[in-house]
Amino acid sequence: MPSGGISMYKATVIEIIFASPSDIKQEKKCFRDIIDEWNVINSRQRKTVLKSVDWEYNTYSSLEGQEPQAIINKQILENADLLVGIFWTRIGTPTKDFESGTIEEIKKHMQQKKPVMVFFSDAPVIPSSINKDQYDKLLIFKDWCEKSGIISNYDSMDAFIAKFRSQLGIIMNEDQYILNLIGNDNSEMYLDNSRVGDVYISDDAQELLKEVSLDYNGQLMSIMTLGGYTVQTNGKSIGTGSNDAREIANINAVIEELEKYDLIRATNQDRELFNITAKGYEVSDKLSK
């Protein structure tokens, strides 16, 4: 422990590039918030830090006699480890060799055998605001994506947040390229602390699962009231009355982590009540040994 009480640790930095046409706005902020949230929950344990990058924040002025996209590729794309592409109604501005800068980034990233996540928004839009040429080209590209892998569609910001948060957790746990970057030492450390059978869960998720397993009814309640956000189980309250956005996001991430592995399951449409599953009890028993 260095002087001043600041705890230090070495970490692998994973750069995640945000790629989108100009009509994507809100998602960029959510993208950064979710990456920050992942770091808060996982970085110390995983010895891994995620860094969000995009051309607006991470490129610098440079006159090199090349088109701007080529310079962007050199400055940030070549070093990026994971790419997240998001589309709504536009394909973007054409480059020398591709339909748009965003598509160029996606296809060049794929050529390097690096992971790519692509999302398409189905959010409502004013018909008169749509550029038909842009939208038609977008549909062609979407068809190409569907034939090249798995895409994710969403129709609201809440849906995007839930899907990206969940999928980011999965790709950080399971993508071989990412695991190779983290390295054997970090991966083994993580697995030793967090693996139970085929389940990888954080320390916070382990603690919450244990509490739910001790609850007489095996229930977890997660509600937002005028007094704030509350999670209750086993006669205990977590974040009672909290209105802090970061704390709420962190608790929700832990709940979603347990849901992802079918350790708890929502019992109502509003996702306010959850029951522990048989698999949840099994994992909890193993954690207690």
Protein backbone atom coordinates (compact mmCIF):
# COMPACT_ATOMS: atom_id res chain seq x y z
CA MET A 1 0.00 0.00 0.00
CA PRO A 2 1.73 3.25 -1.14
CA SER A 3 1.75 6.37 0.98
CA GLY A 4 -1.51 8.27 0.96
CA GLY A 5 -3.58 5.08 1.18
CA ILE A 6 -4.00 4.62 -2.59
CA SER A 7 -4.15 0.98 -3.61
CA MET A 8 -2.21 0.29 -6.83
CA TYR A 9 -2.37 -2.67 -9.21
CA LYS A 10 -1.15 -3.51 -12.70
CA ALA A 11 -3.83 -3.94 -15.33
CA THR A 12 -4.26 -4.82 -18.99
CA VAL A 13 -5.97 -2.05 -20.98
CA ILE A 14 -8.60 -3.16 -23.49
CA GLU A 15 -9.49 -0.41 -25.98
CA ILE A 16 -13.10 -0.42 -27.19
CA ILE A 17 -13.83 1.75 -30.20
CA PHE A 18 -17.28 3.30 -30.70
CA ALA A 19 -18.22 3.45 -34.39
CA SER A 20 -21.42 5.05 -35.67
CA PRO A 21 -22.85 7.52 -38.20
CA SER A 22 -23.84 11.03 -37.07
CA ASP A 23 -27.45 10.17 -36.15
CA ILE A 24 -26.34 8.12 -33.13
CA LYS A 25 -26.10 10.45 -30.11
CA GLN A 26 -27.53 9.13 -26.82
CA GLU A 27 -25.99 5.71 -27.22
CA LYS A 28 -22.49 7.16 -27.08
CA LYS A 29 -22.99 8.47 -23.55
CA CYS A 30 -24.56 5.20 -22.43
CA PHE A 31 -21.67 3.31 -24.05
CA ARG A 32 -19.17 5.26 -21.96
CA ASP A 33 -21.24 4.93 -18.79
CA ILE A 34 -21.51 1.15 -19.13
CA ILE A 35 -17.77 0.82 -19.71
CA ASP A 36 -17.13 2.93 -16.60
CA GLU A 37 -19.59 0.73 -14.71
CA TRP A 38 -17.76 -2.43 -15.83
CA ASN A 39 -14.49 -0.96 -14.61
CA VAL A 40 -15.94 -0.11 -11.20
CA ILE A 41 -17.22 -3.66 -10.73
CA ASN A 42 -14.50 -5.72 -12.42
CA SER A 43 -11.23 -3.90 -13.06
CA ARG A 44 -9.48 -4.63 -9.75
CA GLN A 45 -10.53 -8.27 -9.68
CA ARG A 46 -9.86 -8.88 -13.37
CA LYS A 47 -6.70 -6.73 -13.44
CA THR A 48 -8.22 -5.31 -16.62
CA VAL A 49 -9.35 -1.79 -17.50
CA LEU A 50 -11.63 -0.97 -20.41
CA LYS A 51 -10.92 2.26 -22.31
CA SER A 52 -13.55 3.76 -24.61
CA VAL A 53 -12.21 5.44 -27.75
CA ASP A 54 -13.77 7.24 -30.72
CA TRP A 55 -12.61 9.73 -33.32
CA GLU A 56 -14.16 12.77 -31.60
CA TYR A 57 -12.21 12.33 -28.35
CA ASN A 58 -9.14 10.29 -29.24
CA THR A 59 -7.77 11.63 -32.53
CA TYR A 60 -5.52 14.64 -33.04
CA SER A 61 -5.01 17.13 -35.86
CA SER A 62 -2.60 15.76 -38.46
CA LEU A 63 -2.02 16.74 -42.11
CA GLU A 64 -0.55 13.69 -43.84
CA GLY A 65 -1.81 13.98 -47.39
CA GLN A 66 -4.35 11.18 -46.75
CA GLU A 67 -8.12 11.16 -46.41
CA PRO A 68 -9.33 11.68 -42.82
CA GLN A 69 -10.58 8.10 -42.42
CA ALA A 70 -7.14 6.68 -43.17
CA ILE A 71 -5.66 8.87 -40.43
CA ILE A 72 -8.41 7.84 -38.00
CA ASN A 73 -7.66 4.21 -38.78
CA LYS A 74 -4.00 4.70 -38.01
CA GLN A 75 -4.53 6.75 -34.85
CA ILE A 76 -7.21 4.67 -33.10
CA LEU A 77 -8.59 1.74 -35.13
CA GLU A 78 -5.34 -0.21 -35.48
CA ASN A 79 -4.85 -0.32 -31.70
CA ALA A 80 -8.49 -1.02 -30.79
CA ASP A 81 -9.30 -4.45 -29.39
CA LEU A 82 -13.11 -4.51 -29.56
CA LEU A 83 -15.38 -2.51 -31.87
CA VAL A 84 -18.98 -1.57 -31.11
CA GLY A 85 -20.90 -0.36 -34.18
CA ILE A 86 -24.34 1.25 -33.88
CA PHE A 87 -26.77 2.28 -36.64
CA TRP A 88 -30.22 3.86 -36.81
CA THR A 89 -31.27 5.54 -40.09
CA ARG A 90 -27.94 6.44 -41.73
CA ILE A 91 -25.03 4.51 -43.22
CA GLY A 92 -22.62 7.46 -42.92
CA THR A 93 -20.23 9.37 -45.17
CA PRO A 94 -18.50 7.41 -47.97
CA THR A 95 -14.73 6.93 -47.88
CA LYS A 96 -12.34 6.13 -50.71
CA ASP A 97 -13.00 2.38 -50.64
CA PHE A 98 -16.08 1.82 -48.47
CA GLU A 99 -19.74 2.83 -48.23
CA SER A 100 -18.98 4.82 -45.08
CA GLY A 101 -16.31 5.46 -42.47
CA THR A 102 -18.20 3.36 -39.93
CA ILE A 103 -18.40 0.41 -42.31
CA GLU A 104 -14.72 0.77 -43.13
CA GLU A 105 -13.86 0.62 -39.44
CA ILE A 106 -16.04 -2.46 -38.94
CA LYS A 107 -14.70 -4.39 -41.92
CA LYS A 108 -11.05 -3.51 -41.27
CA HIS A 109 -11.47 -4.53 -37.64
CA MET A 110 -12.95 -7.84 -38.76
CA GLN A 111 -10.03 -8.37 -41.13
CA GLN A 112 -7.73 -8.25 -38.11
CA LYS A 113 -9.75 -11.10 -36.53
CA LYS A 114 -10.81 -8.86 -33.67
CA PRO A 115 -14.29 -9.00 -32.06
CA VAL A 116 -17.06 -6.77 -33.44
CA MET A 117 -20.47 -6.08 -31.90
CA VAL A 118 -23.11 -4.43 -34.12
CA PHE A 119 -26.39 -2.92 -32.94
CA PHE A 120 -29.29 -1.56 -35.02
CA SER A 121 -31.84 0.82 -33.54
CA ASP A 122 -35.53 0.31 -34.29
CA ALA A 123 -36.49 3.41 -32.31
CA PRO A 124 -39.33 5.50 -33.81
CA VAL A 125 -38.25 8.20 -36.25
CA ILE A 126 -40.03 11.01 -38.09
CA PRO A 127 -40.40 9.66 -41.66
CA SER A 128 -39.67 13.03 -43.29
CA SER A 129 -36.28 13.15 -41.53
CA ILE A 130 -35.03 9.99 -43.22
CA ASN A 131 -32.62 10.26 -46.13
CA LYS A 132 -33.88 7.50 -48.43
CA ASP A 133 -30.52 6.89 -50.09
CA GLN A 134 -28.81 6.57 -46.71
CA TYR A 135 -31.53 4.30 -45.34
CA ASP A 136 -31.58 2.03 -48.40
CA LYS A 137 -27.81 1.56 -48.16
CA LEU A 138 -28.17 0.88 -44.45
CA LEU A 139 -30.66 -1.93 -45.13
CA ILE A 140 -28.22 -3.50 -47.60
CA PHE A 141 -25.46 -3.37 -45.00
CA LYS A 142 -27.77 -4.77 -42.31
CA ASP A 143 -28.57 -7.71 -44.59
CA TRP A 144 -24.81 -8.28 -45.03
CA CYS A 145 -24.33 -8.22 -41.25
CA GLU A 146 -27.13 -10.74 -40.71
CA LYS A 147 -25.42 -13.10 -43.14
CA SER A 148 -22.02 -12.53 -41.49
CA GLY A 149 -22.92 -13.21 -37.87
CA ILE A 150 -25.29 -12.17 -35.09
CA ILE A 151 -26.61 -8.62 -34.74
CA SER A 152 -28.63 -6.99 -31.96
CA ASN A 153 -31.74 -4.86 -32.47
CA TYR A 154 -33.20 -2.52 -29.86
CA ASP A 155 -36.16 -0.15 -29.81
CA SER A 156 -35.37 2.09 -26.84
CA MET A 157 -32.43 3.38 -24.85
CA ASP A 158 -33.35 1.12 -21.94
CA ALA A 159 -33.22 -1.87 -24.27
CA PHE A 160 -29.86 -0.78 -25.67
CA ILE A 161 -28.42 -0.32 -22.18
CA ALA A 162 -29.62 -3.75 -21.05
CA LYS A 163 -28.34 -5.51 -24.17
CA PHE A 164 -24.96 -3.79 -24.34
CA ARG A 165 -24.32 -4.22 -20.60
CA SER A 166 -25.14 -7.92 -20.76
CA GLN A 167 -23.22 -8.60 -23.97
CA LEU A 168 -20.16 -6.68 -22.79
CA GLY A 169 -20.04 -8.93 -19.74
CA ILE A 170 -20.32 -12.04 -21.90
CA ILE A 171 -17.67 -11.03 -24.42
CA MET A 172 -15.25 -10.10 -21.63
CA ASN A 173 -15.74 -13.55 -20.13
CA GLU A 174 -15.85 -15.71 -23.23
CA ASP A 175 -14.20 -14.14 -26.30
CA GLN A 176 -10.89 -15.88 -26.87
CA TYR A 177 -9.19 -12.82 -28.38
CA ILE A 178 -10.03 -10.78 -25.26
CA LEU A 179 -8.98 -13.59 -22.91
CA ASN A 180 -5.65 -13.88 -24.73
CA LEU A 181 -5.05 -10.15 -24.24
CA ILE A 182 -5.75 -10.42 -20.53
CA GLY A 183 -3.18 -13.21 -20.37
CA ASN A 184 -2.90 -16.47 -18.50
CA ASP A 185 -1.91 -14.93 -15.19
CA ASN A 186 -4.90 -12.60 -15.06
CA SER A 187 -7.28 -15.18 -16.50
CA GLU A 188 -6.28 -17.84 -14.01
CA MET A 189 -6.58 -15.38 -11.15
CA TYR A 190 -10.06 -14.48 -12.32
CA LEU A 191 -11.19 -18.05 -12.79
CA ASP A 192 -9.91 -19.11 -9.38
CA ASN A 193 -11.90 -16.35 -7.69
CA SER A 194 -15.03 -16.38 -9.80
CA ARG A 195 -15.60 -19.68 -11.57
CA VAL A 196 -18.07 -22.21 -10.25
CA GLY A 197 -18.52 -24.97 -12.81
CA ASP A 198 -19.39 -23.18 -16.04
CA VAL A 199 -20.34 -19.97 -14.21
CA TYR A 200 -18.14 -16.87 -13.94
CA ILE A 201 -19.47 -14.27 -11.52
CA SER A 202 -17.96 -11.30 -9.71
CA ASP A 203 -17.47 -11.09 -5.96
CA ASP A 204 -20.51 -8.80 -5.64
CA ALA A 205 -22.66 -11.28 -7.56
CA GLN A 206 -21.42 -14.12 -5.35
CA GLU A 207 -22.34 -12.23 -2.20
CA LEU A 208 -25.81 -11.33 -3.46
CA LEU A 209 -26.46 -14.92 -4.59
CA LYS A 210 -25.52 -16.22 -1.14
CA GLU A 211 -27.99 -13.82 0.48
CA VAL A 212 -30.80 -14.83 -1.88
CA SER A 213 -30.10 -18.51 -1.20
CA LEU A 214 -30.49 -17.82 2.54
CA ASP A 215 -33.83 -16.06 2.08
CA TYR A 216 -36.68 -18.29 3.33
CA ASN A 217 -38.64 -17.81 0.09
CA GLY A 218 -35.56 -17.60 -2.12
CA GLN A 219 -36.70 -14.18 -3.33
CA LEU A 220 -35.02 -10.93 -4.31
CA MET A 221 -36.98 -7.69 -4.57
CA SER A 222 -35.72 -4.80 -6.70
CA ILE A 223 -37.92 -1.69 -6.75
CA MET A 224 -37.72 2.04 -7.42
CA THR A 225 -39.90 4.19 -5.18
CA LEU A 226 -40.17 7.91 -4.51
CA GLY A 227 -37.70 7.34 -1.70
CA GLY A 228 -35.11 5.81 -3.99
CA TYR A 229 -33.92 2.44 -5.29
CA THR A 230 -34.07 -0.58 -2.98
CA VAL A 231 -32.95 -4.19 -3.27
CA GLN A 232 -34.05 -6.56 -0.50
CA THR A 233 -33.46 -10.23 0.28
CA ASN A 234 -32.96 -12.38 3.37
CA GLY A 235 -34.22 -9.57 5.59
CA LYS A 236 -31.49 -7.23 4.36
CA SER A 237 -31.62 -4.10 2.23
CA ILE A 238 -29.01 -3.07 -0.33
CA GLY A 239 -28.84 0.54 -1.50
CA THR A 240 -31.98 1.42 0.44
CA GLY A 241 -33.34 4.77 -0.67
CA SER A 242 -30.40 5.39 -3.00
CA ASN A 243 -30.83 7.88 -5.84
CA ASP A 244 -27.19 7.73 -6.90
CA ALA A 245 -27.13 6.73 -10.58
CA ARG A 246 -23.77 4.95 -10.34
CA GLU A 247 -24.80 2.89 -7.32
CA ILE A 248 -28.09 1.94 -8.97
CA ALA A 249 -26.27 0.96 -12.18
CA ASN A 250 -23.81 -1.18 -10.23
CA ILE A 251 -26.53 -3.04 -8.34
CA ASN A 252 -28.51 -3.61 -11.55
CA ALA A 253 -25.38 -4.96 -13.23
CA VAL A 254 -24.97 -7.52 -10.44
CA ILE A 255 -28.61 -8.63 -10.77
CA GLU A 256 -28.24 -8.96 -14.55
CA GLU A 257 -25.06 -10.96 -14.03
CA LEU A 258 -27.01 -13.49 -11.94
CA GLU A 259 -29.81 -13.53 -14.52
CA LYS A 260 -27.37 -14.18 -17.35
CA TYR A 261 -26.38 -17.52 -15.84
CA ASP A 262 -29.97 -18.38 -14.85
CA LEU A 263 -29.10 -18.21 -11.16
CA ILE A 264 -32.12 -16.01 -10.49
CA ARG A 265 -35.20 -15.50 -12.63
CA ALA A 266 -37.68 -12.61 -12.82
CA THR A 267 -41.19 -13.58 -11.75
CA ASN A 268 -43.03 -10.51 -13.03
CA GLN A 269 -42.94 -8.41 -16.19
CA ASP A 270 -41.57 -5.34 -14.42
CA ARG A 271 -38.56 -7.32 -13.15
CA GLU A 272 -39.20 -6.24 -9.58
CA LEU A 273 -39.28 -9.75 -8.09
CA PHE A 274 -36.81 -12.57 -8.68
CA ASN A 275 -36.63 -16.16 -7.45
CA ILE A 276 -33.43 -18.13 -7.09
CA THR A 277 -33.29 -21.11 -9.46
CA ALA A 278 -32.17 -24.67 -8.75
CA LYS A 279 -28.91 -23.81 -10.49
CA GLY A 280 -28.62 -20.76 -8.25
CA TYR A 281 -28.88 -22.91 -5.13
CA GLU A 282 -26.32 -25.33 -6.55
CA VAL A 283 -23.81 -22.55 -7.29
CA SER A 284 -24.41 -20.94 -3.91
CA ASP A 285 -23.73 -24.24 -2.16
CA LYS A 286 -20.43 -24.58 -4.02
CA LEU A 287 -19.45 -21.03 -3.08
CA SER A 288 -20.04 -21.82 0.58
CA LYS A 289 -17.66 -24.79 0.60
